[in-house]
Amino acid sequence: MPSADIAIDIMGRLKPYLPILLALSASSPFWWSHDTSFASFRQRFLSSLRTYGICPTFKNWQDFANFFATAQHAGMFEIIRII
């Protein structure tokens, strides 16, 4: 991404499509080679994690940084991984 603000903008534009993307990736009924009887066990497994779910909408990088600092202070996150 050219800048953090552009990344936040793109994230906001993609957010309405997340349910569709989840539906397209729903072909994971198996867990450790066992049929779970779910169309997507991945979603059920990931929903148990505290960082799972659709994130809030941010206007810019500073709004995100403020959210992250608050969440980090509350013990929700330790670091941001930037690849």
PDB file of N, CA and C in Angstrom:
ATOM      1  N   MET A   1       0.836  -1.169   0.000  1.00  0.00           N
ATOM      2  CA  MET A   1       0.000   0.000   0.000  1.00  0.00           C
ATOM      3  C   MET A   1       0.889   1.243   0.000  1.00  0.00           C
ATOM      4  N   PRO A   2       0.525   2.217  -0.783  1.00  0.00           N
ATOM      5  CA  PRO A   2       1.326   3.444  -0.837  1.00  0.00           C
ATOM      6  C   PRO A   2       1.353   4.213   0.483  1.00  0.00           C
ATOM      7  N   SER A   3       0.258   4.134   1.251  1.00  0.00           N
ATOM      8  CA  SER A   3       0.229   4.835   2.542  1.00  0.00           C
ATOM      9  C   SER A   3      -0.769   4.146   3.468  1.00  0.00           C
ATOM     10  N   ALA A   4      -0.646   4.439   4.738  1.00  0.00           N
ATOM     11  CA  ALA A   4      -1.551   3.855   5.729  1.00  0.00           C
ATOM     12  C   ALA A   4      -2.987   4.330   5.510  1.00  0.00           C
ATOM     13  N   ASP A   5      -3.165   5.597   5.166  1.00  0.00           N
ATOM     14  CA  ASP A   5      -4.514   6.122   4.930  1.00  0.00           C
ATOM     15  C   ASP A   5      -5.185   5.447   3.733  1.00  0.00           C
ATOM     16  N   ILE A   6      -4.415   5.146   2.691  1.00  0.00           N
ATOM     17  CA  ILE A   6      -4.977   4.431   1.537  1.00  0.00           C
ATOM     18  C   ILE A   6      -5.375   3.021   1.939  1.00  0.00           C
ATOM     19  N   ALA A   7      -4.570   2.372   2.774  1.00  0.00           N
ATOM     20  CA  ALA A   7      -4.913   1.027   3.263  1.00  0.00           C
ATOM     21  C   ALA A   7      -6.227   1.060   4.038  1.00  0.00           C
ATOM     22  N   ILE A   8      -6.425   2.062   4.872  1.00  0.00           N
ATOM     23  CA  ILE A   8      -7.672   2.203   5.639  1.00  0.00           C
ATOM     24  C   ILE A   8      -8.842   2.444   4.689  1.00  0.00           C
ATOM     25  N   ASP A   9      -8.638   3.258   3.671  1.00  0.00           N
ATOM     26  CA  ASP A   9      -9.694   3.528   2.690  1.00  0.00           C
ATOM     27  C   ASP A   9     -10.096   2.254   1.949  1.00  0.00           C
ATOM     28  N   ILE A  10      -9.117   1.498   1.498  1.00  0.00           N
ATOM     29  CA  ILE A  10      -9.402   0.246   0.773  1.00  0.00           C
ATOM     30  C   ILE A  10     -10.101  -0.744   1.698  1.00  0.00           C
ATOM     31  N   MET A  11      -9.661  -0.822   2.948  1.00  0.00           N
ATOM     32  CA  MET A  11     -10.309  -1.709   3.905  1.00  0.00           C
ATOM     33  C   MET A  11     -11.790  -1.343   4.052  1.00  0.00           C
ATOM     34  N   GLY A  12     -12.086  -0.063   4.120  1.00  0.00           N
ATOM     35  CA  GLY A  12     -13.472   0.387   4.229  1.00  0.00           C
ATOM     36  C   GLY A  12     -14.287   0.052   2.990  1.00  0.00           C
ATOM     37  N   ARG A  13     -13.668   0.145   1.829  1.00  0.00           N
ATOM     38  CA  ARG A  13     -14.376  -0.166   0.576  1.00  0.00           C
ATOM     39  C   ARG A  13     -14.639  -1.662   0.419  1.00  0.00           C
ATOM     40  N   LEU A  14     -13.751  -2.499   0.961  1.00  0.00           N
ATOM     41  CA  LEU A  14     -13.926  -3.946   0.862  1.00  0.00           C
ATOM     42  C   LEU A  14     -14.873  -4.510   1.918  1.00  0.00           C
ATOM     43  N   LYS A  15     -15.059  -3.779   2.988  1.00  0.00           N
ATOM     44  CA  LYS A  15     -15.851  -4.266   4.118  1.00  0.00           C
ATOM     45  C   LYS A  15     -17.244  -4.776   3.733  1.00  0.00           C
ATOM     46  N   PRO A  16     -17.997  -4.099   2.842  1.00  0.00           N
ATOM     47  CA  PRO A  16     -19.324  -4.619   2.480  1.00  0.00           C
ATOM     48  C   PRO A  16     -19.280  -5.977   1.770  1.00  0.00           C
ATOM     49  N   TYR A  17     -18.128  -6.330   1.216  1.00  0.00           N
ATOM     50  CA  TYR A  17     -18.002  -7.581   0.471  1.00  0.00           C
ATOM     51  C   TYR A  17     -17.500  -8.748   1.322  1.00  0.00           C
ATOM     52  N   LEU A  18     -17.199  -8.501   2.587  1.00  0.00           N
ATOM     53  CA  LEU A  18     -16.666  -9.564   3.430  1.00  0.00           C
ATOM     54  C   LEU A  18     -17.605 -10.759   3.570  1.00  0.00           C
ATOM     55  N   PRO A  19     -18.917 -10.578   3.726  1.00  0.00           N
ATOM     56  CA  PRO A  19     -19.794 -11.756   3.786  1.00  0.00           C
ATOM     57  C   PRO A  19     -19.744 -12.599   2.507  1.00  0.00           C
ATOM     58  N   ILE A  20     -19.618 -11.940   1.363  1.00  0.00           N
ATOM     59  CA  ILE A  20     -19.522 -12.672   0.100  1.00  0.00           C
ATOM     60  C   ILE A  20     -18.205 -13.442   0.041  1.00  0.00           C
ATOM     61  N   LEU A  21     -17.120 -12.802   0.446  1.00  0.00           N
ATOM     62  CA  LEU A  21     -15.827 -13.479   0.453  1.00  0.00           C
ATOM     63  C   LEU A  21     -15.829 -14.661   1.415  1.00  0.00           C
ATOM     64  N   LEU A  22     -16.493 -14.513   2.554  1.00  0.00           N
ATOM     65  CA  LEU A  22     -16.605 -15.622   3.495  1.00  0.00           C
ATOM     66  C   LEU A  22     -17.389 -16.769   2.873  1.00  0.00           C
ATOM     67  N   ALA A  23     -18.481 -16.442   2.180  1.00  0.00           N
ATOM     68  CA  ALA A  23     -19.288 -17.481   1.536  1.00  0.00           C
ATOM     69  C   ALA A  23     -18.476 -18.219   0.466  1.00  0.00           C
ATOM     70  N   LEU A  24     -17.645 -17.495  -0.263  1.00  0.00           N
ATOM     71  CA  LEU A  24     -16.825 -18.131  -1.297  1.00  0.00           C
ATOM     72  C   LEU A  24     -15.749 -19.039  -0.707  1.00  0.00           C
ATOM     73  N   SER A  25     -15.359 -18.755   0.524  1.00  0.00           N
ATOM     74  CA  SER A  25     -14.309 -19.566   1.154  1.00  0.00           C
ATOM     75  C   SER A  25     -14.895 -20.616   2.097  1.00  0.00           C
ATOM     76  N   ALA A  26     -16.181 -20.854   2.004  1.00  0.00           N
ATOM     77  CA  ALA A  26     -16.868 -21.731   2.968  1.00  0.00           C
ATOM     78  C   ALA A  26     -16.644 -23.214   2.724  1.00  0.00           C
ATOM     79  N   SER A  27     -15.795 -23.568   1.828  1.00  0.00           N
ATOM     80  CA  SER A  27     -15.601 -24.993   1.521  1.00  0.00           C
ATOM     81  C   SER A  27     -14.564 -25.623   2.453  1.00  0.00           C
ATOM     82  N   SER A  28     -14.805 -25.542   3.736  1.00  0.00           N
ATOM     83  CA  SER A  28     -13.875 -26.147   4.694  1.00  0.00           C
ATOM     84  C   SER A  28     -14.645 -26.945   5.752  1.00  0.00           C
ATOM     85  N   PRO A  29     -15.350 -28.015   5.328  1.00  0.00           N
ATOM     86  CA  PRO A  29     -16.151 -28.776   6.291  1.00  0.00           C
ATOM     87  C   PRO A  29     -15.339 -29.747   7.147  1.00  0.00           C
ATOM     88  N   PHE A  30     -14.064 -29.915   6.838  1.00  0.00           N
ATOM     89  CA  PHE A  30     -13.264 -30.909   7.555  1.00  0.00           C
ATOM     90  C   PHE A  30     -12.330 -30.255   8.566  1.00  0.00           C
ATOM     91  N   TRP A  31     -12.112 -30.932   9.676  1.00  0.00           N
ATOM     92  CA  TRP A  31     -11.170 -30.497  10.696  1.00  0.00           C
ATOM     93  C   TRP A  31     -10.361 -31.713  11.109  1.00  0.00           C
ATOM     94  N   TRP A  32      -9.074 -31.665  10.875  1.00  0.00           N
ATOM     95  CA  TRP A  32      -8.173 -32.777  11.161  1.00  0.00           C
ATOM     96  C   TRP A  32      -8.700 -34.073  10.527  1.00  0.00           C
ATOM     97  N   SER A  33      -9.101 -33.974   9.274  1.00  0.00           N
ATOM     98  CA  SER A  33      -9.587 -35.097   8.460  1.00  0.00           C
ATOM     99  C   SER A  33     -10.937 -35.655   8.891  1.00  0.00           C
ATOM    100  N   HIS A  34     -11.631 -34.962   9.763  1.00  0.00           N
ATOM    101  CA  HIS A  34     -12.955 -35.409  10.202  1.00  0.00           C
ATOM    102  C   HIS A  34     -14.023 -34.469   9.646  1.00  0.00           C
ATOM    103  N   ASP A  35     -15.083 -35.031   9.108  1.00  0.00           N
ATOM    104  CA  ASP A  35     -16.206 -34.239   8.598  1.00  0.00           C
ATOM    105  C   ASP A  35     -16.963 -33.657   9.790  1.00  0.00           C
ATOM    106  N   THR A  36     -17.055 -32.338   9.847  1.00  0.00           N
ATOM    107  CA  THR A  36     -17.691 -31.668  10.983  1.00  0.00           C
ATOM    108  C   THR A  36     -19.197 -31.491  10.790  1.00  0.00           C
ATOM    109  N   SER A  37     -19.706 -31.776   9.617  1.00  0.00           N
ATOM    110  CA  SER A  37     -21.117 -31.572   9.243  1.00  0.00           C
ATOM    111  C   SER A  37     -21.474 -30.101   9.068  1.00  0.00           C
ATOM    112  N   PHE A  38     -20.477 -29.233   9.105  1.00  0.00           N
ATOM    113  CA  PHE A  38     -20.695 -27.809   8.854  1.00  0.00           C
ATOM    114  C   PHE A  38     -20.213 -27.477   7.444  1.00  0.00           C
ATOM    115  N   ALA A  39     -20.859 -26.514   6.808  1.00  0.00           N
ATOM    116  CA  ALA A  39     -20.396 -26.073   5.487  1.00  0.00           C
ATOM    117  C   ALA A  39     -19.019 -25.436   5.602  1.00  0.00           C
ATOM    118  N   SER A  40     -18.760 -24.757   6.730  1.00  0.00           N
ATOM    119  CA  SER A  40     -17.477 -24.116   6.944  1.00  0.00           C
ATOM    120  C   SER A  40     -17.114 -24.188   8.422  1.00  0.00           C
ATOM    121  N   PHE A  41     -16.259 -25.114   8.771  1.00  0.00           N
ATOM    122  CA  PHE A  41     -15.825 -25.210  10.163  1.00  0.00           C
ATOM    123  C   PHE A  41     -14.838 -24.100  10.497  1.00  0.00           C
ATOM    124  N   ARG A  42     -14.128 -23.607   9.481  1.00  0.00           N
ATOM    125  CA  ARG A  42     -13.152 -22.539   9.694  1.00  0.00           C
ATOM    126  C   ARG A  42     -13.804 -21.348  10.392  1.00  0.00           C
ATOM    127  N   GLN A  43     -14.989 -20.959   9.930  1.00  0.00           N
ATOM    128  CA  GLN A  43     -15.685 -19.812  10.525  1.00  0.00           C
ATOM    129  C   GLN A  43     -16.016 -20.093  11.988  1.00  0.00           C
ATOM    130  N   ARG A  44     -16.481 -21.280  12.299  1.00  0.00           N
ATOM    131  CA  ARG A  44     -16.820 -21.621  13.692  1.00  0.00           C
ATOM    132  C   ARG A  44     -15.575 -21.643  14.567  1.00  0.00           C
ATOM    133  N   PHE A  45     -14.484 -22.159  14.040  1.00  0.00           N
ATOM    134  CA  PHE A  45     -13.244 -22.219  14.802  1.00  0.00           C
ATOM    135  C   PHE A  45     -12.709 -20.801  15.060  1.00  0.00           C
ATOM    136  N   LEU A  46     -12.640 -20.001  14.008  1.00  0.00           N
ATOM    137  CA  LEU A  46     -12.092 -18.652  14.155  1.00  0.00           C
ATOM    138  C   LEU A  46     -12.952 -17.765  15.043  1.00  0.00           C
ATOM    139  N   SER A  47     -14.263 -18.019  15.093  1.00  0.00           N
ATOM    140  CA  SER A  47     -15.141 -17.180  15.908  1.00  0.00           C
ATOM    141  C   SER A  47     -14.852 -17.315  17.398  1.00  0.00           C
ATOM    142  N   SER A  48     -14.095 -18.339  17.781  1.00  0.00           N
ATOM    143  CA  SER A  48     -13.731 -18.498  19.187  1.00  0.00           C
ATOM    144  C   SER A  48     -12.564 -17.592  19.581  1.00  0.00           C
ATOM    145  N   LEU A  49     -11.909 -16.993  18.612  1.00  0.00           N
ATOM    146  CA  LEU A  49     -10.770 -16.113  18.894  1.00  0.00           C
ATOM    147  C   LEU A  49     -11.255 -14.705  19.203  1.00  0.00           C
ATOM    148  N   ARG A  50     -10.582 -14.016  20.107  1.00  0.00           N
ATOM    149  CA  ARG A  50     -11.035 -12.683  20.514  1.00  0.00           C
ATOM    150  C   ARG A  50     -10.848 -11.619  19.444  1.00  0.00           C
ATOM    151  N   THR A  51     -10.022 -11.886  18.448  1.00  0.00           N
ATOM    152  CA  THR A  51      -9.806 -10.906  17.390  1.00  0.00           C
ATOM    153  C   THR A  51     -10.656 -11.189  16.161  1.00  0.00           C
ATOM    154  N   TYR A  52     -11.610 -12.124  16.267  1.00  0.00           N
ATOM    155  CA  TYR A  52     -12.438 -12.503  15.127  1.00  0.00           C
ATOM    156  C   TYR A  52     -13.585 -11.518  14.956  1.00  0.00           C
ATOM    157  N   GLY A  53     -13.961 -11.314  13.724  1.00  0.00           N
ATOM    158  CA  GLY A  53     -15.123 -10.485  13.439  1.00  0.00           C
ATOM    159  C   GLY A  53     -14.767  -9.325  12.532  1.00  0.00           C
ATOM    160  N   ILE A  54     -15.790  -8.627  12.119  1.00  0.00           N
ATOM    161  CA  ILE A  54     -15.590  -7.469  11.251  1.00  0.00           C
ATOM    162  C   ILE A  54     -15.156  -6.300  12.114  1.00  0.00           C
ATOM    163  N   CYS A  55     -14.080  -5.696  11.714  1.00  0.00           N
ATOM    164  CA  CYS A  55     -13.529  -4.597  12.509  1.00  0.00           C
ATOM    165  C   CYS A  55     -14.367  -3.334  12.332  1.00  0.00           C
ATOM    166  N   PRO A  56     -14.215  -2.412  13.258  1.00  0.00           N
ATOM    167  CA  PRO A  56     -14.914  -1.131  13.109  1.00  0.00           C
ATOM    168  C   PRO A  56     -14.439  -0.401  11.851  1.00  0.00           C
ATOM    169  N   THR A  57     -15.196   0.562  11.414  1.00  0.00           N
ATOM    170  CA  THR A  57     -14.810   1.389  10.274  1.00  0.00           C
ATOM    171  C   THR A  57     -13.997   2.572  10.795  1.00  0.00           C
ATOM    172  N   PHE A  58     -12.904   2.849  10.126  1.00  0.00           N
ATOM    173  CA  PHE A  58     -12.034   3.957  10.523  1.00  0.00           C
ATOM    174  C   PHE A  58     -11.983   4.988   9.406  1.00  0.00           C
ATOM    175  N   LYS A  59     -11.947   6.263   9.775  1.00  0.00           N
ATOM    176  CA  LYS A  59     -11.879   7.350   8.788  1.00  0.00           C
ATOM    177  C   LYS A  59     -10.484   7.471   8.190  1.00  0.00           C
ATOM    178  N   ASN A  60      -9.473   7.207   9.020  1.00  0.00           N
ATOM    179  CA  ASN A  60      -8.087   7.356   8.577  1.00  0.00           C
ATOM    180  C   ASN A  60      -7.180   6.536   9.494  1.00  0.00           C
ATOM    181  N   TRP A  61      -5.884   6.570   9.193  1.00  0.00           N
ATOM    182  CA  TRP A  61      -4.933   5.791   9.970  1.00  0.00           C
ATOM    183  C   TRP A  61      -4.896   6.239  11.424  1.00  0.00           C
ATOM    184  N   GLN A  62      -5.022   7.513  11.677  1.00  0.00           N
ATOM    185  CA  GLN A  62      -4.970   8.003  13.056  1.00  0.00           C
ATOM    186  C   GLN A  62      -6.121   7.436  13.882  1.00  0.00           C
ATOM    187  N   ASP A  63      -7.313   7.346  13.298  1.00  0.00           N
ATOM    188  CA  ASP A  63      -8.441   6.721  14.001  1.00  0.00           C
ATOM    189  C   ASP A  63      -8.131   5.265  14.329  1.00  0.00           C
ATOM    190  N   PHE A  64      -7.530   4.550  13.369  1.00  0.00           N
ATOM    191  CA  PHE A  64      -7.142   3.171  13.619  1.00  0.00           C
ATOM    192  C   PHE A  64      -6.096   3.096  14.720  1.00  0.00           C
ATOM    193  N   ALA A  65      -5.094   3.962  14.647  1.00  0.00           N
ATOM    194  CA  ALA A  65      -4.020   3.948  15.652  1.00  0.00           C
ATOM    195  C   ALA A  65      -4.588   4.220  17.049  1.00  0.00           C
ATOM    196  N   ASN A  66      -5.544   5.135  17.149  1.00  0.00           N
ATOM    197  CA  ASN A  66      -6.178   5.410  18.439  1.00  0.00           C
ATOM    198  C   ASN A  66      -6.941   4.194  18.954  1.00  0.00           C
ATOM    199  N   PHE A  67      -7.696   3.531  18.055  1.00  0.00           N
ATOM    200  CA  PHE A  67      -8.413   2.313  18.419  1.00  0.00           C
ATOM    201  C   PHE A  67      -7.438   1.243  18.891  1.00  0.00           C
ATOM    202  N   PHE A  68      -6.359   1.046  18.129  1.00  0.00           N
ATOM    203  CA  PHE A  68      -5.401   0.012  18.479  1.00  0.00           C
ATOM    204  C   PHE A  68      -4.750   0.303  19.820  1.00  0.00           C
ATOM    205  N   ALA A  69      -4.382   1.546  20.074  1.00  0.00           N
ATOM    206  CA  ALA A  69      -3.755   1.896  21.352  1.00  0.00           C
ATOM    207  C   ALA A  69      -4.698   1.589  22.518  1.00  0.00           C
ATOM    208  N   THR A  70      -5.976   1.907  22.356  1.00  0.00           N
ATOM    209  CA  THR A  70      -6.962   1.616  23.399  1.00  0.00           C
ATOM    210  C   THR A  70      -7.123   0.112  23.593  1.00  0.00           C
ATOM    211  N   ALA A  71      -7.237  -0.629  22.486  1.00  0.00           N
ATOM    212  CA  ALA A  71      -7.388  -2.086  22.558  1.00  0.00           C
ATOM    213  C   ALA A  71      -6.137  -2.732  23.148  1.00  0.00           C
ATOM    214  N   GLN A  72      -4.979  -2.210  22.799  1.00  0.00           N
ATOM    215  CA  GLN A  72      -3.732  -2.748  23.334  1.00  0.00           C
ATOM    216  C   GLN A  72      -3.657  -2.500  24.838  1.00  0.00           C
ATOM    217  N   HIS A  73      -4.042  -1.318  25.262  1.00  0.00           N
ATOM    218  CA  HIS A  73      -4.057  -0.981  26.689  1.00  0.00           C
ATOM    219  C   HIS A  73      -5.023  -1.896  27.448  1.00  0.00           C
ATOM    220  N   ALA A  74      -6.120  -2.284  26.799  1.00  0.00           N
ATOM    221  CA  ALA A  74      -7.107  -3.172  27.419  1.00  0.00           C
ATOM    222  C   ALA A  74      -6.670  -4.640  27.388  1.00  0.00           C
ATOM    223  N   GLY A  75      -5.545  -4.932  26.716  1.00  0.00           N
ATOM    224  CA  GLY A  75      -5.031  -6.292  26.669  1.00  0.00           C
ATOM    225  C   GLY A  75      -5.586  -7.132  25.535  1.00  0.00           C
ATOM    226  N   MET A  76      -6.248  -6.507  24.565  1.00  0.00           N
ATOM    227  CA  MET A  76      -6.801  -7.265  23.441  1.00  0.00           C
ATOM    228  C   MET A  76      -5.728  -7.676  22.442  1.00  0.00           C
ATOM    229  N   PHE A  77      -4.751  -6.808  22.200  1.00  0.00           N
ATOM    230  CA  PHE A  77      -3.698  -7.046  21.226  1.00  0.00           C
ATOM    231  C   PHE A  77      -2.347  -6.723  21.850  1.00  0.00           C
ATOM    232  N   GLU A  78      -1.318  -7.368  21.324  1.00  0.00           N
ATOM    233  CA  GLU A  78       0.027  -7.039  21.758  1.00  0.00           C
ATOM    234  C   GLU A  78       0.773  -6.220  20.714  1.00  0.00           C
ATOM    235  N   ILE A  79       0.644  -6.638  19.435  1.00  0.00           N
ATOM    236  CA  ILE A  79       1.384  -5.972  18.366  1.00  0.00           C
ATOM    237  C   ILE A  79       0.519  -5.890  17.112  1.00  0.00           C
ATOM    238  N   ILE A  80       0.933  -5.031  16.189  1.00  0.00           N
ATOM    239  CA  ILE A  80       0.395  -4.997  14.834  1.00  0.00           C
ATOM    240  C   ILE A  80       1.445  -5.663  13.957  1.00  0.00           C
ATOM    241  N   ARG A  81       1.009  -6.625  13.168  1.00  0.00           N
ATOM    242  CA  ARG A  81       1.944  -7.269  12.244  1.00  0.00           C
ATOM    243  C   ARG A  81       1.825  -6.577  10.886  1.00  0.00           C
ATOM    244  N   ILE A  82       2.895  -5.971  10.465  1.00  0.00           N
ATOM    245  CA  ILE A  82       2.949  -5.308   9.164  1.00  0.00           C
ATOM    246  C   ILE A  82       3.916  -6.099   8.308  1.00  0.00           C
ATOM    247  N   ILE A  83       3.401  -6.619   7.229  1.00  0.00           N
ATOM    248  CA  ILE A  83       4.234  -7.455   6.365  1.00  0.00           C
ATOM    249  C   ILE A  83       4.699  -6.645   5.180  1.00  0.00           C
TER     250      ILE A  83
END
